[in-house]
């Protein structure tokens, strides 16, 4: 029963493969670092 359940889950994942939602990519102006960290970095460099 566990093997059948794992096989069914695997088959569902295979059929869904490649159908990512449109929101998978980053949209907007999200920076990888916060403004405080960026300010500290600029302060240290200058």
ModelCIF file with pLDDT and N, C-alpha, C, O atoms, coordinates in Angstrom:
data_MODEL
#
_entry.id   MODEL 
#
_entity.id                         1 
_entity.type                       polymer 
_entity.pdbx_number_of_molecules   1 
#
_entity_poly.entity_id                      1 
_entity_poly.type                           'polypeptide(L)' 
_entity_poly.nstd_linkage                   no 
_entity_poly.nstd_monomer                   no 
_entity_poly.pdbx_seq_one_letter_code       
;(UNK)(UNK)(UNK)(UNK)(UNK)(UNK)(UNK)(UNK)(UNK)(UNK)(UNK)(UNK)(UNK)(UNK)(UNK)(UNK)
(UNK)(UNK)(UNK)(UNK)(UNK)(UNK)(UNK)(UNK)(UNK)(UNK)(UNK)(UNK)(UNK)(UNK)(UNK)(UNK)
(UNK)(UNK)(UNK)(UNK)(UNK)(UNK)(UNK)(UNK)(UNK)(UNK)(UNK)(UNK)(UNK)(UNK)
;
_entity_poly.pdbx_seq_one_letter_code_can   XXXXXXXXXXXXXXXXXXXXXXXXXXXXXXXXXXXXXXXXXXXXXX 
_entity_poly.pdbx_strand_id                 A 
#
loop_
_entity_poly_seq.entity_id 
_entity_poly_seq.num 
_entity_poly_seq.mon_id 
_entity_poly_seq.hetero 
1 1  UNK n 
1 2  UNK n 
1 3  UNK n 
1 4  UNK n 
1 5  UNK n 
1 6  UNK n 
1 7  UNK n 
1 8  UNK n 
1 9  UNK n 
1 10 UNK n 
1 11 UNK n 
1 12 UNK n 
1 13 UNK n 
1 14 UNK n 
1 15 UNK n 
1 16 UNK n 
1 17 UNK n 
1 18 UNK n 
1 19 UNK n 
1 20 UNK n 
1 21 UNK n 
1 22 UNK n 
1 23 UNK n 
1 24 UNK n 
1 25 UNK n 
1 26 UNK n 
1 27 UNK n 
1 28 UNK n 
1 29 UNK n 
1 30 UNK n 
1 31 UNK n 
1 32 UNK n 
1 33 UNK n 
1 34 UNK n 
1 35 UNK n 
1 36 UNK n 
1 37 UNK n 
1 38 UNK n 
1 39 UNK n 
1 40 UNK n 
1 41 UNK n 
1 42 UNK n 
1 43 UNK n 
1 44 UNK n 
1 45 UNK n 
1 46 UNK n 
#
_struct_asym.id          A 
_struct_asym.entity_id   1 
#
loop_
_ma_qa_metric.id 
_ma_qa_metric.mode 
_ma_qa_metric.name 
_ma_qa_metric.software_group_id 
_ma_qa_metric.type 
1 global pLDDT . pLDDT 
2 local  pLDDT . pLDDT 
#
_ma_qa_metric_global.metric_id      1 
_ma_qa_metric_global.metric_value   80.35 
_ma_qa_metric_global.model_id       1 
_ma_qa_metric_global.ordinal_id     1 
#
loop_
_ma_qa_metric_local.label_asym_id 
_ma_qa_metric_local.label_comp_id 
_ma_qa_metric_local.label_seq_id 
_ma_qa_metric_local.metric_id 
_ma_qa_metric_local.metric_value 
_ma_qa_metric_local.model_id 
_ma_qa_metric_local.ordinal_id 
A UNK 1  2 87.00 1 1  
A UNK 2  2 88.00 1 2  
A UNK 3  2 90.00 1 3  
A UNK 4  2 90.00 1 4  
A UNK 5  2 89.00 1 5  
A UNK 6  2 89.00 1 6  
A UNK 7  2 87.00 1 7  
A UNK 8  2 87.00 1 8  
A UNK 9  2 86.00 1 9  
A UNK 10 2 86.00 1 10 
A UNK 11 2 84.00 1 11 
A UNK 12 2 81.00 1 12 
A UNK 13 2 78.00 1 13 
A UNK 14 2 76.00 1 14 
A UNK 15 2 72.00 1 15 
A UNK 16 2 72.00 1 16 
A UNK 17 2 66.00 1 17 
A UNK 18 2 68.00 1 18 
A UNK 19 2 66.00 1 19 
A UNK 20 2 63.00 1 20 
A UNK 21 2 63.00 1 21 
A UNK 22 2 59.00 1 22 
A UNK 23 2 59.00 1 23 
A UNK 24 2 54.00 1 24 
A UNK 25 2 58.00 1 25 
A UNK 26 2 57.00 1 26 
A UNK 27 2 62.00 1 27 
A UNK 28 2 66.00 1 28 
A UNK 29 2 70.00 1 29 
A UNK 30 2 73.00 1 30 
A UNK 31 2 73.00 1 31 
A UNK 32 2 85.00 1 32 
A UNK 33 2 85.00 1 33 
A UNK 34 2 89.00 1 34 
A UNK 35 2 90.00 1 35 
A UNK 36 2 93.00 1 36 
A UNK 37 2 94.00 1 37 
A UNK 38 2 93.00 1 38 
A UNK 39 2 95.00 1 39 
A UNK 40 2 96.00 1 40 
A UNK 41 2 95.00 1 41 
A UNK 42 2 96.00 1 42 
A UNK 43 2 97.00 1 43 
A UNK 44 2 97.00 1 44 
A UNK 45 2 96.00 1 45 
A UNK 46 2 96.00 1 46 
#
loop_
_atom_site.group_PDB 
_atom_site.id 
_atom_site.type_symbol 
_atom_site.label_atom_id 
_atom_site.label_alt_id 
_atom_site.label_comp_id 
_atom_site.label_asym_id 
_atom_site.label_entity_id 
_atom_site.label_seq_id 
_atom_site.pdbx_PDB_ins_code 
_atom_site.Cartn_x 
_atom_site.Cartn_y 
_atom_site.Cartn_z 
_atom_site.occupancy 
_atom_site.B_iso_or_equiv 
_atom_site.pdbx_formal_charge 
_atom_site.auth_seq_id 
_atom_site.auth_comp_id 
_atom_site.auth_asym_id 
_atom_site.auth_atom_id 
_atom_site.pdbx_PDB_model_num 
ATOM 1   N N  . UNK A 1 1  ? 0.837  -1.207 0.000   1.00 87.00 ? 1  UNK A N  1 
ATOM 2   C CA . UNK A 1 1  ? 0.000  0.000  0.000   1.00 87.00 ? 1  UNK A CA 1 
ATOM 3   C C  . UNK A 1 1  ? 0.868  1.251  0.000   1.00 87.00 ? 1  UNK A C  1 
ATOM 4   O O  . UNK A 1 1  ? 0.579  2.205  -0.723  1.00 87.00 ? 1  UNK A O  1 
ATOM 5   N N  . UNK A 1 2  ? 1.917  1.257  0.795   1.00 88.00 ? 2  UNK A N  1 
ATOM 6   C CA . UNK A 1 2  ? 2.824  2.408  0.821   1.00 88.00 ? 2  UNK A CA 1 
ATOM 7   C C  . UNK A 1 2  ? 3.520  2.593  -0.524  1.00 88.00 ? 2  UNK A C  1 
ATOM 8   O O  . UNK A 1 2  ? 3.698  3.717  -0.992  1.00 88.00 ? 2  UNK A O  1 
ATOM 9   N N  . UNK A 1 3  ? 3.907  1.491  -1.132  1.00 90.00 ? 3  UNK A N  1 
ATOM 10  C CA . UNK A 1 3  ? 4.547  1.570  -2.446  1.00 90.00 ? 3  UNK A CA 1 
ATOM 11  C C  . UNK A 1 3  ? 3.577  2.135  -3.478  1.00 90.00 ? 3  UNK A C  1 
ATOM 12  O O  . UNK A 1 3  ? 3.957  2.976  -4.292  1.00 90.00 ? 3  UNK A O  1 
ATOM 13  N N  . UNK A 1 4  ? 2.304  1.669  -3.448  1.00 90.00 ? 4  UNK A N  1 
ATOM 14  C CA . UNK A 1 4  ? 1.309  2.190  -4.389  1.00 90.00 ? 4  UNK A CA 1 
ATOM 15  C C  . UNK A 1 4  ? 1.062  3.680  -4.166  1.00 90.00 ? 4  UNK A C  1 
ATOM 16  O O  . UNK A 1 4  ? 0.873  4.433  -5.122  1.00 90.00 ? 4  UNK A O  1 
ATOM 17  N N  . UNK A 1 5  ? 1.064  4.100  -2.909  1.00 89.00 ? 5  UNK A N  1 
ATOM 18  C CA . UNK A 1 5  ? 0.851  5.514  -2.609  1.00 89.00 ? 5  UNK A CA 1 
ATOM 19  C C  . UNK A 1 5  ? 2.012  6.357  -3.132  1.00 89.00 ? 5  UNK A C  1 
ATOM 20  O O  . UNK A 1 5  ? 1.806  7.439  -3.683  1.00 89.00 ? 5  UNK A O  1 
ATOM 21  N N  . UNK A 1 6  ? 3.228  5.853  -2.956  1.00 89.00 ? 6  UNK A N  1 
ATOM 22  C CA . UNK A 1 6  ? 4.406  6.576  -3.456  1.00 89.00 ? 6  UNK A CA 1 
ATOM 23  C C  . UNK A 1 6  ? 4.400  6.645  -4.977  1.00 89.00 ? 6  UNK A C  1 
ATOM 24  O O  . UNK A 1 6  ? 4.749  7.672  -5.558  1.00 89.00 ? 6  UNK A O  1 
ATOM 25  N N  . UNK A 1 7  ? 4.003  5.555  -5.618  1.00 87.00 ? 7  UNK A N  1 
ATOM 26  C CA . UNK A 1 7  ? 3.949  5.537  -7.082  1.00 87.00 ? 7  UNK A CA 1 
ATOM 27  C C  . UNK A 1 7  ? 2.921  6.538  -7.587  1.00 87.00 ? 7  UNK A C  1 
ATOM 28  O O  . UNK A 1 7  ? 3.175  7.259  -8.552  1.00 87.00 ? 7  UNK A O  1 
ATOM 29  N N  . UNK A 1 8  ? 1.748  6.585  -6.930  1.00 87.00 ? 8  UNK A N  1 
ATOM 30  C CA . UNK A 1 8  ? 0.706  7.530  -7.339  1.00 87.00 ? 8  UNK A CA 1 
ATOM 31  C C  . UNK A 1 8  ? 1.188  8.974  -7.174  1.00 87.00 ? 8  UNK A C  1 
ATOM 32  O O  . UNK A 1 8  ? 0.940  9.814  -8.039  1.00 87.00 ? 8  UNK A O  1 
ATOM 33  N N  . UNK A 1 9  ? 1.872  9.260  -6.071  1.00 86.00 ? 9  UNK A N  1 
ATOM 34  C CA . UNK A 1 9  ? 2.387  10.605 -5.848  1.00 86.00 ? 9  UNK A CA 1 
ATOM 35  C C  . UNK A 1 9  ? 3.434  10.965 -6.904  1.00 86.00 ? 9  UNK A C  1 
ATOM 36  O O  . UNK A 1 9  ? 3.448  12.086 -7.413  1.00 86.00 ? 9  UNK A O  1 
ATOM 37  N N  . UNK A 1 10 ? 4.297  10.022 -7.224  1.00 86.00 ? 10 UNK A N  1 
ATOM 38  C CA . UNK A 1 10 ? 5.302  10.242 -8.257  1.00 86.00 ? 10 UNK A CA 1 
ATOM 39  C C  . UNK A 1 10 ? 4.655  10.519 -9.606  1.00 86.00 ? 10 UNK A C  1 
ATOM 40  O O  . UNK A 1 10 ? 5.092  11.411 -10.333 1.00 86.00 ? 10 UNK A O  1 
ATOM 41  N N  . UNK A 1 11 ? 3.608  9.756  -9.948  1.00 84.00 ? 11 UNK A N  1 
ATOM 42  C CA . UNK A 1 11 ? 2.919  9.948  -11.223 1.00 84.00 ? 11 UNK A CA 1 
ATOM 43  C C  . UNK A 1 11 ? 2.250  11.322 -11.284 1.00 84.00 ? 11 UNK A C  1 
ATOM 44  O O  . UNK A 1 11 ? 2.252  11.963 -12.336 1.00 84.00 ? 11 UNK A O  1 
ATOM 45  N N  . UNK A 1 12 ? 1.680  11.779 -10.171 1.00 81.00 ? 12 UNK A N  1 
ATOM 46  C CA . UNK A 1 12 ? 1.072  13.122 -10.150 1.00 81.00 ? 12 UNK A CA 1 
ATOM 47  C C  . UNK A 1 12 ? 2.140  14.186 -10.370 1.00 81.00 ? 12 UNK A C  1 
ATOM 48  O O  . UNK A 1 12 ? 1.908  15.159 -11.088 1.00 81.00 ? 12 UNK A O  1 
ATOM 49  N N  . UNK A 1 13 ? 3.311  14.006 -9.756  1.00 78.00 ? 13 UNK A N  1 
ATOM 50  C CA . UNK A 1 13 ? 4.390  14.980 -9.936  1.00 78.00 ? 13 UNK A CA 1 
ATOM 51  C C  . UNK A 1 13 ? 4.892  14.987 -11.377 1.00 78.00 ? 13 UNK A C  1 
ATOM 52  O O  . UNK A 1 13 ? 5.242  16.044 -11.902 1.00 78.00 ? 13 UNK A O  1 
ATOM 53  N N  . UNK A 1 14 ? 4.933  13.838 -12.015 1.00 76.00 ? 14 UNK A N  1 
ATOM 54  C CA . UNK A 1 14 ? 5.380  13.758 -13.407 1.00 76.00 ? 14 UNK A CA 1 
ATOM 55  C C  . UNK A 1 14 ? 4.392  14.475 -14.321 1.00 76.00 ? 14 UNK A C  1 
ATOM 56  O O  . UNK A 1 14 ? 4.808  15.181 -15.239 1.00 76.00 ? 14 UNK A O  1 
ATOM 57  N N  . UNK A 1 15 ? 3.118  14.309 -14.090 1.00 72.00 ? 15 UNK A N  1 
ATOM 58  C CA . UNK A 1 15 ? 2.132  14.960 -14.960 1.00 72.00 ? 15 UNK A CA 1 
ATOM 59  C C  . UNK A 1 15 ? 2.100  16.464 -14.746 1.00 72.00 ? 15 UNK A C  1 
ATOM 60  O O  . UNK A 1 15 ? 1.725  17.209 -15.652 1.00 72.00 ? 15 UNK A O  1 
ATOM 61  N N  . UNK A 1 16 ? 2.488  16.923 -13.555 1.00 72.00 ? 16 UNK A N  1 
ATOM 62  C CA . UNK A 1 16 ? 2.510  18.367 -13.293 1.00 72.00 ? 16 UNK A CA 1 
ATOM 63  C C  . UNK A 1 16 ? 3.834  19.002 -13.681 1.00 72.00 ? 16 UNK A C  1 
ATOM 64  O O  . UNK A 1 16 ? 3.968  20.224 -13.607 1.00 72.00 ? 16 UNK A O  1 
ATOM 65  N N  . UNK A 1 17 ? 4.792  18.229 -14.082 1.00 66.00 ? 17 UNK A N  1 
ATOM 66  C CA . UNK A 1 17 ? 6.117  18.740 -14.390 1.00 66.00 ? 17 UNK A CA 1 
ATOM 67  C C  . UNK A 1 17 ? 6.061  19.750 -15.539 1.00 66.00 ? 17 UNK A C  1 
ATOM 68  O O  . UNK A 1 17 ? 5.451  19.495 -16.577 1.00 66.00 ? 17 UNK A O  1 
ATOM 69  N N  . UNK A 1 18 ? 6.703  20.893 -15.336 1.00 68.00 ? 18 UNK A N  1 
ATOM 70  C CA . UNK A 1 18 ? 6.767  21.911 -16.382 1.00 68.00 ? 18 UNK A CA 1 
ATOM 71  C C  . UNK A 1 18 ? 5.592  22.856 -16.416 1.00 68.00 ? 18 UNK A C  1 
ATOM 72  O O  . UNK A 1 18 ? 5.553  23.743 -17.268 1.00 68.00 ? 18 UNK A O  1 
ATOM 73  N N  . UNK A 1 19 ? 4.634  22.702 -15.524 1.00 66.00 ? 19 UNK A N  1 
ATOM 74  C CA . UNK A 1 19 ? 3.476  23.600 -15.533 1.00 66.00 ? 19 UNK A CA 1 
ATOM 75  C C  . UNK A 1 19 ? 3.545  24.535 -14.338 1.00 66.00 ? 19 UNK A C  1 
ATOM 76  O O  . UNK A 1 19 ? 2.666  24.517 -13.477 1.00 66.00 ? 19 UNK A O  1 
ATOM 77  N N  . UNK A 1 20 ? 4.592  25.354 -14.286 1.00 63.00 ? 20 UNK A N  1 
ATOM 78  C CA . UNK A 1 20 ? 4.773  26.300 -13.193 1.00 63.00 ? 20 UNK A CA 1 
ATOM 79  C C  . UNK A 1 20 ? 3.832  27.480 -13.385 1.00 63.00 ? 20 UNK A C  1 
ATOM 80  O O  . UNK A 1 20 ? 3.472  27.833 -14.508 1.00 63.00 ? 20 UNK A O  1 
ATOM 81  N N  . UNK A 1 21 ? 3.449  28.071 -12.289 1.00 63.00 ? 21 UNK A N  1 
ATOM 82  C CA . UNK A 1 21 ? 2.559  29.230 -12.334 1.00 63.00 ? 21 UNK A CA 1 
ATOM 83  C C  . UNK A 1 21 ? 3.318  30.442 -12.868 1.00 63.00 ? 21 UNK A C  1 
ATOM 84  O O  . UNK A 1 21 ? 4.548  30.468 -12.872 1.00 63.00 ? 21 UNK A O  1 
ATOM 85  N N  . UNK A 1 22 ? 2.567  31.440 -13.316 1.00 59.00 ? 22 UNK A N  1 
ATOM 86  C CA . UNK A 1 22 ? 3.193  32.649 -13.840 1.00 59.00 ? 22 UNK A CA 1 
ATOM 87  C C  . UNK A 1 22 ? 3.879  33.452 -12.748 1.00 59.00 ? 22 UNK A C  1 
ATOM 88  O O  . UNK A 1 22 ? 4.762  34.257 -13.041 1.00 59.00 ? 22 UNK A O  1 
ATOM 89  N N  . UNK A 1 23 ? 3.497  33.253 -11.514 1.00 59.00 ? 23 UNK A N  1 
ATOM 90  C CA . UNK A 1 23 ? 4.079  34.024 -10.420 1.00 59.00 ? 23 UNK A CA 1 
ATOM 91  C C  . UNK A 1 23 ? 5.363  33.402 -9.897  1.00 59.00 ? 23 UNK A C  1 
ATOM 92  O O  . UNK A 1 23 ? 5.834  33.776 -8.823  1.00 59.00 ? 23 UNK A O  1 
ATOM 93  N N  . UNK A 1 24 ? 5.936  32.463 -10.631 1.00 54.00 ? 24 UNK A N  1 
ATOM 94  C CA . UNK A 1 24 ? 7.157  31.800 -10.175 1.00 54.00 ? 24 UNK A CA 1 
ATOM 95  C C  . UNK A 1 24 ? 8.344  32.763 -10.194 1.00 54.00 ? 24 UNK A C  1 
ATOM 96  O O  . UNK A 1 24 ? 9.227  32.655 -9.344  1.00 54.00 ? 24 UNK A O  1 
ATOM 97  N N  . UNK A 1 25 ? 8.386  33.691 -11.133 1.00 58.00 ? 25 UNK A N  1 
ATOM 98  C CA . UNK A 1 25 ? 9.492  34.637 -11.216 1.00 58.00 ? 25 UNK A CA 1 
ATOM 99  C C  . UNK A 1 25 ? 9.264  35.823 -10.310 1.00 58.00 ? 25 UNK A C  1 
ATOM 100 O O  . UNK A 1 25 ? 8.136  36.102 -9.903  1.00 58.00 ? 25 UNK A O  1 
ATOM 101 N N  . UNK A 1 26 ? 10.356 36.530 -9.993  1.00 57.00 ? 26 UNK A N  1 
ATOM 102 C CA . UNK A 1 26 ? 10.233 37.719 -9.152  1.00 57.00 ? 26 UNK A CA 1 
ATOM 103 C C  . UNK A 1 26 ? 9.634  38.856 -9.960  1.00 57.00 ? 26 UNK A C  1 
ATOM 104 O O  . UNK A 1 26 ? 10.028 39.116 -11.097 1.00 57.00 ? 26 UNK A O  1 
ATOM 105 N N  . UNK A 1 27 ? 8.701  39.504 -9.362  1.00 62.00 ? 27 UNK A N  1 
ATOM 106 C CA . UNK A 1 27 ? 8.131  40.695 -9.986  1.00 62.00 ? 27 UNK A CA 1 
ATOM 107 C C  . UNK A 1 27 ? 8.140  41.805 -8.961  1.00 62.00 ? 27 UNK A C  1 
ATOM 108 O O  . UNK A 1 27 ? 8.003  41.551 -7.765  1.00 62.00 ? 27 UNK A O  1 
ATOM 109 N N  . UNK A 1 28 ? 8.296  43.010 -9.409  1.00 66.00 ? 28 UNK A N  1 
ATOM 110 C CA . UNK A 1 28 ? 8.338  44.126 -8.483  1.00 66.00 ? 28 UNK A CA 1 
ATOM 111 C C  . UNK A 1 28 ? 9.772  44.537 -8.215  1.00 66.00 ? 28 UNK A C  1 
ATOM 112 O O  . UNK A 1 28 ? 10.704 44.143 -8.915  1.00 66.00 ? 28 UNK A O  1 
ATOM 113 N N  . UNK A 1 29 ? 9.911  45.342 -7.178  1.00 70.00 ? 29 UNK A N  1 
ATOM 114 C CA . UNK A 1 29 ? 11.234 45.874 -6.853  1.00 70.00 ? 29 UNK A CA 1 
ATOM 115 C C  . UNK A 1 29 ? 11.708 45.312 -5.525  1.00 70.00 ? 29 UNK A C  1 
ATOM 116 O O  . UNK A 1 29 ? 11.970 46.068 -4.590  1.00 70.00 ? 29 UNK A O  1 
ATOM 117 N N  . UNK A 1 30 ? 11.819 44.017 -5.433  1.00 73.00 ? 30 UNK A N  1 
ATOM 118 C CA . UNK A 1 30 ? 12.339 43.377 -4.237  1.00 73.00 ? 30 UNK A CA 1 
ATOM 119 C C  . UNK A 1 30 ? 13.846 43.269 -4.363  1.00 73.00 ? 30 UNK A C  1 
ATOM 120 O O  . UNK A 1 30 ? 14.365 42.607 -5.262  1.00 73.00 ? 30 UNK A O  1 
ATOM 121 N N  . UNK A 1 31 ? 14.541 43.930 -3.446  1.00 73.00 ? 31 UNK A N  1 
ATOM 122 C CA . UNK A 1 31 ? 15.988 43.893 -3.457  1.00 73.00 ? 31 UNK A CA 1 
ATOM 123 C C  . UNK A 1 31 ? 16.464 42.702 -2.632  1.00 73.00 ? 31 UNK A C  1 
ATOM 124 O O  . UNK A 1 31 ? 15.813 42.333 -1.654  1.00 73.00 ? 31 UNK A O  1 
ATOM 125 N N  . UNK A 1 32 ? 17.582 42.098 -3.007  1.00 85.00 ? 32 UNK A N  1 
ATOM 126 C CA . UNK A 1 32 ? 18.069 40.947 -2.239  1.00 85.00 ? 32 UNK A CA 1 
ATOM 127 C C  . UNK A 1 32 ? 18.569 41.323 -0.844  1.00 85.00 ? 32 UNK A C  1 
ATOM 128 O O  . UNK A 1 32 ? 18.626 40.464 0.036   1.00 85.00 ? 32 UNK A O  1 
ATOM 129 N N  . UNK A 1 33 ? 18.935 42.599 -0.623  1.00 85.00 ? 33 UNK A N  1 
ATOM 130 C CA . UNK A 1 33 ? 19.348 43.045 0.705   1.00 85.00 ? 33 UNK A CA 1 
ATOM 131 C C  . UNK A 1 33 ? 18.484 44.229 1.115   1.00 85.00 ? 33 UNK A C  1 
ATOM 132 O O  . UNK A 1 33 ? 17.951 44.946 0.269   1.00 85.00 ? 33 UNK A O  1 
ATOM 133 N N  . UNK A 1 34 ? 18.354 44.422 2.404   1.00 89.00 ? 34 UNK A N  1 
ATOM 134 C CA . UNK A 1 34 ? 17.559 45.523 2.922   1.00 89.00 ? 34 UNK A CA 1 
ATOM 135 C C  . UNK A 1 34 ? 18.296 46.845 2.830   1.00 89.00 ? 34 UNK A C  1 
ATOM 136 O O  . UNK A 1 34 ? 19.504 46.871 2.598   1.00 89.00 ? 34 UNK A O  1 
ATOM 137 N N  . UNK A 1 35 ? 17.571 47.949 3.013   1.00 90.00 ? 35 UNK A N  1 
ATOM 138 C CA . UNK A 1 35 ? 18.199 49.267 2.918   1.00 90.00 ? 35 UNK A CA 1 
ATOM 139 C C  . UNK A 1 35 ? 19.204 49.527 4.034   1.00 90.00 ? 35 UNK A C  1 
ATOM 140 O O  . UNK A 1 35 ? 20.163 50.272 3.834   1.00 90.00 ? 35 UNK A O  1 
ATOM 141 N N  . UNK A 1 36 ? 19.001 48.929 5.207   1.00 93.00 ? 36 UNK A N  1 
ATOM 142 C CA . UNK A 1 36 ? 19.931 49.138 6.317   1.00 93.00 ? 36 UNK A CA 1 
ATOM 143 C C  . UNK A 1 36 ? 21.265 48.459 6.017   1.00 93.00 ? 36 UNK A C  1 
ATOM 144 O O  . UNK A 1 36 ? 22.326 49.036 6.255   1.00 93.00 ? 36 UNK A O  1 
ATOM 145 N N  . UNK A 1 37 ? 21.211 47.244 5.498   1.00 94.00 ? 37 UNK A N  1 
ATOM 146 C CA . UNK A 1 37 ? 22.435 46.528 5.154   1.00 94.00 ? 37 UNK A CA 1 
ATOM 147 C C  . UNK A 1 37 ? 23.164 47.243 4.026   1.00 94.00 ? 37 UNK A C  1 
ATOM 148 O O  . UNK A 1 37 ? 24.389 47.363 4.047   1.00 94.00 ? 37 UNK A O  1 
ATOM 149 N N  . UNK A 1 38 ? 22.410 47.716 3.046   1.00 93.00 ? 38 UNK A N  1 
ATOM 150 C CA . UNK A 1 38 ? 23.024 48.454 1.941   1.00 93.00 ? 38 UNK A CA 1 
ATOM 151 C C  . UNK A 1 38 ? 23.669 49.742 2.437   1.00 93.00 ? 38 UNK A C  1 
ATOM 152 O O  . UNK A 1 38 ? 24.778 50.078 2.020   1.00 93.00 ? 38 UNK A O  1 
ATOM 153 N N  . UNK A 1 39 ? 22.988 50.468 3.322   1.00 95.00 ? 39 UNK A N  1 
ATOM 154 C CA . UNK A 1 39 ? 23.552 51.695 3.891   1.00 95.00 ? 39 UNK A CA 1 
ATOM 155 C C  . UNK A 1 39 ? 24.809 51.433 4.684   1.00 95.00 ? 39 UNK A C  1 
ATOM 156 O O  . UNK A 1 39 ? 25.773 52.194 4.596   1.00 95.00 ? 39 UNK A O  1 
ATOM 157 N N  . UNK A 1 40 ? 24.811 50.347 5.469   1.00 96.00 ? 40 UNK A N  1 
ATOM 158 C CA . UNK A 1 40 ? 26.002 49.982 6.241   1.00 96.00 ? 40 UNK A CA 1 
ATOM 159 C C  . UNK A 1 40 ? 27.169 49.649 5.318   1.00 96.00 ? 40 UNK A C  1 
ATOM 160 O O  . UNK A 1 40 ? 28.305 50.048 5.574   1.00 96.00 ? 40 UNK A O  1 
ATOM 161 N N  . UNK A 1 41 ? 26.883 48.917 4.243   1.00 95.00 ? 41 UNK A N  1 
ATOM 162 C CA . UNK A 1 41 ? 27.934 48.563 3.279   1.00 95.00 ? 41 UNK A CA 1 
ATOM 163 C C  . UNK A 1 41 ? 28.526 49.819 2.643   1.00 95.00 ? 41 UNK A C  1 
ATOM 164 O O  . UNK A 1 41 ? 29.747 49.936 2.534   1.00 95.00 ? 41 UNK A O  1 
ATOM 165 N N  . UNK A 1 42 ? 27.688 50.749 2.226   1.00 96.00 ? 42 UNK A N  1 
ATOM 166 C CA . UNK A 1 42 ? 28.169 51.998 1.614   1.00 96.00 ? 42 UNK A CA 1 
ATOM 167 C C  . UNK A 1 42 ? 28.984 52.787 2.638   1.00 96.00 ? 42 UNK A C  1 
ATOM 168 O O  . UNK A 1 42 ? 30.031 53.345 2.308   1.00 96.00 ? 42 UNK A O  1 
ATOM 169 N N  . UNK A 1 43 ? 28.499 52.833 3.881   1.00 97.00 ? 43 UNK A N  1 
ATOM 170 C CA . UNK A 1 43 ? 29.228 53.538 4.942   1.00 97.00 ? 43 UNK A CA 1 
ATOM 171 C C  . UNK A 1 43 ? 30.621 52.947 5.141   1.00 97.00 ? 43 UNK A C  1 
ATOM 172 O O  . UNK A 1 43 ? 31.595 53.690 5.263   1.00 97.00 ? 43 UNK A O  1 
ATOM 173 N N  . UNK A 1 44 ? 30.722 51.644 5.176   1.00 97.00 ? 44 UNK A N  1 
ATOM 174 C CA . UNK A 1 44 ? 32.016 50.992 5.394   1.00 97.00 ? 44 UNK A CA 1 
ATOM 175 C C  . UNK A 1 44 ? 32.948 51.218 4.214   1.00 97.00 ? 44 UNK A C  1 
ATOM 176 O O  . UNK A 1 44 ? 34.133 51.494 4.406   1.00 97.00 ? 44 UNK A O  1 
ATOM 177 N N  . UNK A 1 45 ? 32.429 51.105 3.000   1.00 96.00 ? 45 UNK A N  1 
ATOM 178 C CA . UNK A 1 45 ? 33.277 51.278 1.812   1.00 96.00 ? 45 UNK A CA 1 
ATOM 179 C C  . UNK A 1 45 ? 33.778 52.711 1.699   1.00 96.00 ? 45 UNK A C  1 
ATOM 180 O O  . UNK A 1 45 ? 34.971 52.937 1.495   1.00 96.00 ? 45 UNK A O  1 
ATOM 181 N N  . UNK A 1 46 ? 32.878 53.678 1.831   1.00 96.00 ? 46 UNK A N  1 
ATOM 182 C CA . UNK A 1 46 ? 33.279 55.082 1.711   1.00 96.00 ? 46 UNK A CA 1 
ATOM 183 C C  . UNK A 1 46 ? 34.158 55.484 2.892   1.00 96.00 ? 46 UNK A C  1 
ATOM 184 O O  . UNK A 1 46 ? 34.598 56.631 2.972   1.00 96.00 ? 46 UNK A O  1 
#
